[in-house]
Protein backbone atom coordinates (compact mmCIF):
# COMPACT_ATOMS: atom_id res chain seq x y z
CA MET A 1 57.00 -58.68 143.90
CA SER A 2 55.58 -55.35 141.84
CA HIS A 3 52.67 -54.69 141.15
CA VAL A 4 51.57 -52.65 137.66
CA ILE A 5 47.90 -50.91 138.03
CA LEU A 6 46.39 -50.62 134.93
CA TYR A 7 43.77 -47.92 134.47
CA THR A 8 41.00 -48.06 131.95
CA MET A 9 38.94 -45.45 130.32
CA ASP A 10 35.48 -45.21 132.02
CA ASP A 11 32.36 -43.91 129.77
CA SER A 12 32.61 -40.45 130.81
CA ASP A 13 36.24 -40.20 129.51
CA LYS A 14 35.48 -41.32 126.47
CA LEU A 15 32.77 -39.51 125.47
CA LYS A 16 35.19 -36.30 126.70
CA LYS A 17 37.95 -37.48 124.18
CA ILE A 18 34.97 -38.06 121.59
CA LYS A 19 34.14 -34.42 122.03
CA GLU A 20 37.30 -33.14 121.84
CA GLN A 21 38.12 -34.88 118.61
CA ASP A 22 35.04 -33.71 117.05
CA LYS A 23 35.79 -30.28 117.72
CA LEU A 24 39.48 -30.50 116.55
CA ARG A 25 38.03 -32.28 113.40
CA GLN A 26 35.47 -29.38 113.27
CA ALA A 27 37.84 -26.18 113.81
CA LYS A 28 40.09 -27.60 110.72
CA TYR A 29 37.37 -27.90 108.62
CA TYR A 30 36.09 -24.39 109.11
CA ALA A 31 39.58 -23.38 108.61
CA SER A 32 39.63 -25.12 105.41
CA LYS A 33 36.22 -23.31 104.33
CA LYS A 34 37.35 -20.27 105.39
CA ALA A 35 40.39 -20.07 103.20
CA LEU A 36 38.24 -21.43 100.31
CA ILE A 37 35.67 -18.33 101.13
CA ASN A 38 38.37 -16.00 101.32
CA GLU A 39 40.03 -16.99 97.69
CA ARG A 40 36.56 -16.67 96.41
CA ARG A 41 35.62 -13.72 97.36
CA ARG A 42 39.27 -12.40 95.89
CA LEU A 43 38.18 -13.99 92.43
CA LYS A 44 35.16 -12.34 92.47
CA TYR A 45 36.17 -9.06 93.25
CA GLN A 46 39.27 -9.55 90.98
CA GLU A 47 36.11 -10.08 88.06
CA ARG A 48 34.50 -6.81 89.02
CA LYS A 49 37.85 -5.26 88.47
CA LEU A 50 37.94 -6.35 84.80
CA GLU A 51 34.50 -5.95 83.76
CA LYS A 52 34.74 -2.21 85.29
CA THR A 53 38.09 -1.28 83.65
CA GLU A 54 41.25 -2.23 82.64
CA ASN A 55 42.79 1.19 83.07
CA SER A 56 42.38 2.84 86.15
CA ILE A 57 42.25 0.92 89.70
CA GLN A 58 39.32 0.31 91.49
CA GLU A 59 38.05 0.61 94.70
CA PRO A 60 37.92 -2.57 97.07
CA TYR A 61 35.21 -5.09 96.47
CA GLN A 62 33.48 -4.58 99.85
CA PRO A 63 30.94 -8.41 100.14
CA THR A 64 27.57 -7.33 101.67
CA ILE A 65 26.60 -8.10 105.08
CA GLN A 66 24.45 -10.72 103.72
CA GLU A 67 27.10 -12.39 101.67
CA GLN A 68 29.50 -11.46 104.91
CA VAL A 69 27.10 -13.83 107.09
CA GLN A 70 26.19 -16.11 104.55
CA PRO A 71 29.08 -16.58 101.77
CA THR A 72 27.33 -17.80 98.20
CA ILE A 73 30.43 -17.00 95.95
CA GLN A 74 30.80 -19.59 93.51
CA GLU A 75 34.43 -20.35 91.59
CA PRO A 76 33.94 -19.22 88.38
CA THR A 77 34.05 -22.02 85.74
CA PRO A 78 33.91 -22.18 81.97
CA THR A 79 30.38 -22.10 80.60
CA ALA A 80 28.85 -23.17 76.99
CA ASP A 81 28.41 -19.18 76.72
CA ASN A 82 31.73 -17.86 77.24
CA PRO A 83 34.32 -21.11 77.45
CA ASN A 84 37.25 -18.36 77.58
CA GLN A 85 36.43 -17.96 81.08
CA ARG A 86 38.97 -20.40 81.90
CA PHE A 87 41.82 -18.28 80.97
CA LEU A 88 40.94 -15.36 82.73
CA ASN A 89 40.72 -18.36 85.88
CA ASN A 90 43.88 -19.17 85.45
CA LEU A 91 45.20 -15.50 84.82
CA LEU A 92 43.76 -14.84 88.41
CA LYS A 93 45.81 -17.58 90.46
CA LYS A 94 48.84 -16.27 89.50
CA GLN A 95 51.39 -14.59 91.63
CA LEU A 96 52.08 -11.19 89.98
CA THR A 97 53.18 -7.37 90.96
CA GLU A 98 49.84 -5.26 91.16
CA HIS A 99 51.10 -3.38 87.43
CA THR A 100 51.94 -6.33 85.65
CA LYS A 101 48.24 -7.92 86.85
CA LYS A 102 46.69 -5.34 85.84
CA ARG A 103 48.49 -5.58 81.99
CA TYR A 104 47.77 -9.10 81.72
CA LEU A 105 44.00 -8.07 82.78
CA GLY A 106 43.64 -5.77 80.14
CA ASP A 107 45.31 -8.07 77.41
CA MET A 108 42.85 -10.16 78.69
CA LYS A 109 39.94 -8.11 77.79
CA ARG A 110 40.83 -6.95 74.80
CA ILE A 111 41.26 -10.77 73.70
CA PHE A 112 37.97 -11.31 74.63
CA SER A 113 36.19 -8.38 72.80
CA LEU A 114 38.01 -9.58 69.72
CA VAL A 115 36.85 -13.35 69.69
CA GLU A 116 33.72 -12.60 71.27
CA LYS A 117 31.73 -15.85 72.08
CA ASN A 118 34.18 -17.51 70.25
CA ASP A 119 36.52 -20.36 71.68
CA ILE A 120 40.09 -18.45 71.99
CA VAL A 121 41.35 -22.67 71.75
CA ASP A 122 39.33 -23.18 68.98
CA LEU A 123 40.37 -20.34 67.22
CA VAL A 124 44.21 -21.50 67.82
CA LYS A 125 43.94 -24.83 66.64
CA GLN A 126 42.13 -23.48 63.30
CA GLY A 127 44.96 -21.18 62.85
CA LYS A 128 42.65 -17.83 63.51
CA MET A 129 43.69 -16.73 66.40
CA LYS A 130 46.49 -14.88 64.57
CA ASP A 131 44.30 -13.32 61.98
CA VAL A 132 42.07 -12.02 64.75
CA LEU A 133 44.91 -10.07 65.98
CA GLU A 134 46.52 -9.16 62.81
CA ASN A 135 43.02 -7.53 62.08
CA SER A 136 42.28 -5.43 65.26
CA LYS A 137 43.22 -1.89 65.67
CA TYR A 138 45.83 -2.55 68.19
CA ALA A 139 49.40 -1.44 68.24
CA THR A 140 51.94 -4.36 67.47
CA ALA A 141 53.27 -4.61 71.49
CA THR A 142 49.59 -4.65 72.39
CA LYS A 143 49.00 -7.60 69.91
CA ARG A 144 52.11 -9.21 70.62
CA GLY A 145 51.10 -9.64 74.52
CA MET A 146 48.07 -10.97 73.91
CA MET A 147 49.32 -13.64 71.70
CA ILE A 148 51.76 -14.14 74.62
CA LEU A 149 49.42 -14.37 77.49
CA ILE A 150 47.00 -17.04 75.14
CA LEU A 151 49.92 -19.25 75.15
CA GLN A 152 51.07 -18.56 78.38
CA GLY A 153 47.21 -20.03 79.30
CA ILE A 154 47.45 -22.80 77.25
CA ARG A 155 50.19 -24.06 78.79
CA ASP A 156 49.06 -23.34 82.45
CA MET A 157 46.21 -25.51 81.52
CA LYS A 158 48.00 -27.93 79.66
CA ILE A 159 45.56 -27.64 77.01
CA LYS A 160 46.29 -29.66 73.66
CA VAL A 161 46.33 -27.86 70.44
CA GLY A 162 49.92 -29.59 68.86
CA LYS A 163 53.23 -28.42 68.67
CA LYS A 164 52.97 -27.27 64.84
CA ILE A 165 50.39 -24.96 66.03
CA ILE A 166 52.31 -23.37 69.03
CA GLN A 167 55.80 -23.60 66.96
CA LYS A 168 53.73 -21.20 64.50
CA LEU A 169 52.38 -18.60 67.06
CA GLU A 170 55.87 -18.68 68.69
CA VAL A 171 57.47 -17.38 65.13
CA TYR A 172 54.31 -15.07 64.91
CA ILE A 173 55.04 -13.56 68.41
CA GLU A 174 58.82 -13.25 67.50
CA VAL A 175 57.67 -11.53 64.14
CA LEU A 176 55.77 -8.73 66.50
CA LYS A 177 59.29 -8.46 68.02
CA GLN A 178 61.16 -7.56 65.55
CA GLN A 179 58.39 -5.11 63.95
CA GLU A 180 58.76 -3.37 67.07
CA SER A 181 62.26 -3.20 67.04
CA ASP A 182 62.17 -1.88 63.78
CA ALA A 183 59.48 0.64 64.58
CA ASN A 184 61.50 1.68 67.43
CA LYS A 185 64.35 2.17 65.46
CA ALA A 186 62.74 4.69 62.75
CA LYS A 187 61.81 6.33 65.47
CA THR A 188 64.89 6.70 67.36
CA GLU A 189 66.40 7.84 64.28
CA THR A 190 63.57 10.32 63.17
CA GLU A 191 61.13 11.70 66.35
CA GLU A 192 62.23 14.59 67.71
CA VAL A 193 61.54 15.64 71.73
CA LEU A 194 61.97 18.92 73.45
CA THR A 195 64.69 19.26 76.28
CA PHE A 196 62.83 19.13 79.63
CA ASN A 197 63.98 22.72 80.28
CA GLU A 198 62.41 24.08 77.40
CA TYR A 199 59.41 21.31 77.87
CA LEU A 200 58.87 22.96 81.35
CA ARG A 201 59.34 26.85 80.30
CA LYS A 202 55.98 25.83 77.93
CA ILE A 203 54.61 24.44 80.89
CA ASN A 204 55.23 27.50 83.48
CA ASP A 205 53.98 30.05 80.64
CA GLU A 206 50.39 27.89 80.65
CA TYR A 207 49.97 27.04 83.73
CA GLY A 208 52.65 28.86 86.28
CA GLU A 209 55.26 27.85 88.66
CA ASN A 210 52.83 26.88 91.32
CA SER A 211 50.85 24.70 89.54
CA LYS A 212 50.32 20.77 89.65
CA MET A 213 51.60 20.13 86.15
CA PHE A 214 54.71 22.31 86.84
CA LEU A 215 55.32 20.43 90.19
CA ILE A 216 54.78 17.20 87.88
CA GLY A 217 57.11 18.04 85.72
CA LYS A 218 59.69 19.44 87.88
CA MET A 219 59.86 15.76 89.70
CA TYR A 220 59.77 13.65 86.44
CA GLU A 221 62.89 15.73 86.53
CA GLU A 222 64.59 14.69 88.99
CA LEU A 223 62.59 11.54 89.58
CA THR A 224 62.23 10.18 85.80
CA LEU A 225 59.96 6.61 87.17
CA ARG A 226 56.58 5.28 85.08
CA ASP A 227 53.52 6.25 86.47
CA ASP A 228 54.29 6.08 90.09
CA PHE A 229 53.83 9.24 91.81
CA GLN A 230 50.62 8.10 94.33
CA LEU A 231 52.25 9.31 96.79
CA LEU A 232 50.69 9.36 100.46
CA ILE A 233 52.15 11.89 102.46
CA VAL A 234 53.55 10.53 105.83
CA SER A 235 55.50 12.74 108.65
CA LYS A 236 58.22 9.53 108.91
CA THR A 237 59.33 6.39 107.24
CA THR A 238 57.16 3.59 107.75
CA ARG A 239 57.62 -0.19 107.62
CA ASP A 240 54.05 -0.73 105.45
CA THR A 241 55.31 -1.60 101.66
CA ASN A 242 51.48 -1.11 100.50
CA HIS A 243 51.72 2.54 98.79
CA ASN A 244 54.03 4.93 97.74
CA TYR A 245 55.18 7.37 100.11
CA LEU A 246 56.08 11.38 100.42
CA ILE A 247 58.29 11.62 103.48
CA LEU A 248 57.85 15.37 104.84
CA ASN A 249 61.52 15.70 106.16
CA LYS A 250 62.34 19.15 107.63
CA GLU A 251 64.86 20.09 104.49
CA LYS A 252 65.37 17.37 101.93
CA ILE A 253 61.90 15.47 101.36
CA ARG A 254 62.36 12.04 100.79
CA ILE A 255 60.46 9.82 98.00
CA THR A 256 59.84 5.82 98.37
CA ILE A 257 58.29 4.22 95.70
CA ASN A 258 56.95 0.02 97.00
CA LYS A 259 55.49 -0.35 94.19
CA TYR A 260 56.00 -0.16 90.50
CA LYS A 261 56.36 -2.25 86.99
CA THR A 262 59.74 -3.89 88.47
CA GLU A 263 59.67 -3.62 91.86
CA LYS A 264 60.55 -7.84 92.06
CA ARG A 265 63.71 -7.21 90.38
CA TYR A 266 65.54 -3.42 91.99
CA GLY A 267 63.45 -3.12 94.80
CA VAL A 268 62.59 -0.34 97.01
CA ILE A 269 63.51 3.31 94.87
CA SER A 270 64.36 5.68 98.25
CA VAL A 271 65.25 9.39 96.99
CA LEU A 272 65.72 12.22 98.84
CA LEU A 273 64.70 15.52 96.75
CA SER A 274 66.74 18.44 95.78
CA LYS A 275 66.44 21.39 98.60
CA LYS A 276 64.89 23.33 95.70
CA LEU A 277 62.39 20.78 94.61
CA SER A 278 61.58 19.95 98.24
CA ASN A 279 60.97 23.43 98.47
CA LEU A 280 58.28 23.31 95.53
CA VAL A 281 56.65 20.62 97.30
CA LYS A 282 56.53 22.00 100.36
CA ARG A 283 54.67 25.16 99.25
CA TYR A 284 52.54 23.11 96.38
CA ILE A 285 50.88 21.04 100.21
CA GLN A 286 50.63 24.42 102.00
CA GLU A 287 48.87 26.09 99.15
CA ASN A 288 46.74 23.17 98.59
CA LYS A 289 46.24 22.77 102.27
CA LEU A 290 47.18 18.70 102.44
CA ASN A 291 47.73 17.21 105.25
CA VAL A 292 49.63 14.08 106.29
CA GLY A 293 47.42 11.24 105.04
CA ASP A 294 46.40 12.93 101.87
CA TYR A 295 47.77 12.15 98.30
CA LEU A 296 50.16 15.01 96.62
CA PHE A 297 48.47 14.07 93.34
CA GLY A 298 45.44 11.95 94.03
CA ASP A 299 45.53 8.15 94.78
CA LYS A 300 45.31 7.30 90.51
CA GLU A 301 47.49 7.35 87.51
CA LEU A 302 48.43 10.73 86.34
CA SER A 303 49.16 9.49 82.31
CA ASP A 304 45.51 10.87 81.41
CA TYR A 305 45.80 14.40 82.99
CA ILE A 306 49.75 14.96 81.61
CA ASN A 307 48.37 14.05 78.25
CA TYR A 308 45.46 16.07 78.73
CA ASN A 309 47.49 19.32 79.71
CA ASN A 310 50.33 18.41 77.72
CA LYS A 311 48.20 19.27 74.28
CA LYS A 312 47.06 22.62 75.43
CA VAL A 313 50.77 23.41 75.23
CA ALA A 314 51.33 21.72 71.80
CA VAL A 315 52.99 18.72 73.28
CA ASN A 316 52.17 14.80 72.46
CA GLY A 317 52.79 12.43 75.27
CA SER A 318 52.92 11.86 78.55
CA ILE A 319 55.08 10.10 81.16
CA SER A 320 56.85 7.84 78.31
CA LEU A 321 57.72 11.45 76.92
CA PHE A 322 59.46 12.66 79.86
CA ARG A 323 61.79 9.56 80.07
CA LYS A 324 62.04 10.05 76.26
CA MET A 325 63.31 13.90 76.97
CA LYS A 326 65.62 13.36 80.48
CA ILE A 327 67.12 9.64 78.21
CA THR A 328 67.48 11.14 74.94
CA GLU A 329 69.56 14.31 76.98
CA LEU A 330 71.55 12.33 79.00
CA TYR A 331 72.63 10.74 75.72
CA ASN A 332 73.27 13.68 73.73
CA ASP A 333 75.43 15.22 76.76
CA PRO A 334 79.13 14.49 76.12
CA LYS A 335 79.76 15.17 79.64
CA VAL A 336 78.03 12.23 80.88
CA SER A 337 79.81 9.02 80.77
CA LYS A 338 78.93 5.38 80.21
CA GLU A 339 78.84 4.57 84.14
CA GLU A 340 76.62 7.82 84.70
CA LYS A 341 74.10 6.48 81.91
CA ILE A 342 73.83 2.96 83.51
CA GLU A 343 73.51 4.60 87.00
CA LEU A 344 70.46 6.76 85.26
CA ALA A 345 68.87 3.27 84.22
CA SER A 346 68.77 1.67 87.51
CA LYS A 347 67.00 5.29 88.99
CA MET A 348 64.80 5.00 85.92
CA ALA A 349 63.97 1.27 87.11
CA HIS A 350 64.89 -0.54 83.94
CA SER A 351 67.96 -2.28 82.33
CA PRO A 352 70.01 0.31 79.78
CA LEU A 353 69.39 -2.10 76.91
CA ILE A 354 65.62 -0.66 77.65
CA GLN A 355 67.04 2.90 78.19
CA LEU A 356 68.25 2.97 74.39
CA THR A 357 64.31 2.46 73.34
CA TYR A 358 63.73 6.00 74.54
CA LEU A 359 66.31 7.53 73.16
CA ARG A 360 64.99 10.31 70.24
CA GLN A 361 66.62 13.31 68.44
CA LEU A 362 66.60 16.72 70.56
CA LYS A 363 64.93 19.13 68.93
CA ILE A 364 66.36 22.55 68.50
CA SER A 365 64.60 25.39 69.52
CA GLU A 366 63.27 28.16 67.38
């Protein structure tokens, strides 16, 4: 006859098990709180960015020692003084590229400045939001971007404003889009741009071949991107995709662009510069005593710098001008095939259709 022995837990074992369960619950609780604290800090940091500027990338917000030890950041919520805060909160929760987030934050700041303390939703319901935008000084494209952002917020937050009101605003967005198209068509037919050679000649005469402006111009002639040349100098390829890089190879320099407006669509841009341009870059690095870990032109955007210095040579425009010059030259060259035009569009990280919006008339040299 077999015997089954039953073991029962004594008080000591029970107490031990209870303690272990308490530890697991506490660990789970603190883990959830940690995530919440981090999210609150992230939202606070984004709010500070918006308050400081819409045009420049700021240094990351560093919490004080007191904040680190005893976090007191509150989740931002709409208040009687600012009922529009929820639109900002909704925007900050979105998963966006840095370029898109920066543009949206800029648009949101413009909206806040226009409506002041008036409730955006009330203005929409009363049919006044369109008038607010129409009476502003902003360009058609900017007005369109602001209205799109408002409608996105209303949809995201499931705010009820009426189907007919939404339809009217959607029509307004399409009208603005058509106005943009008409204006761009007029520019395509009448506006003139220099050739890159003529532009570089002006820059060389004013600043010299070893200048920052001349090197910027040569780089945009060869790699006509947007304001993406915040290039960190490294000695070899890295897997880190948080920066754009200039890789110092022995012969030709490689440019790797990870962070840019259309990165989700086109992925990493990696290009070897020509031997001639590589030598020009190396000479600039040497003469300016730059080292690995430095930025070739600094870590800020270049648009304002280029625009300011272009005015000294009687040239109006900045990086968009470079793109116009490059595309206009290309489309006026009978030797360039359709395949090459599409290939350039890919190199410039935009579609062939968008490429046509940069097309202008070539200015005849005097």
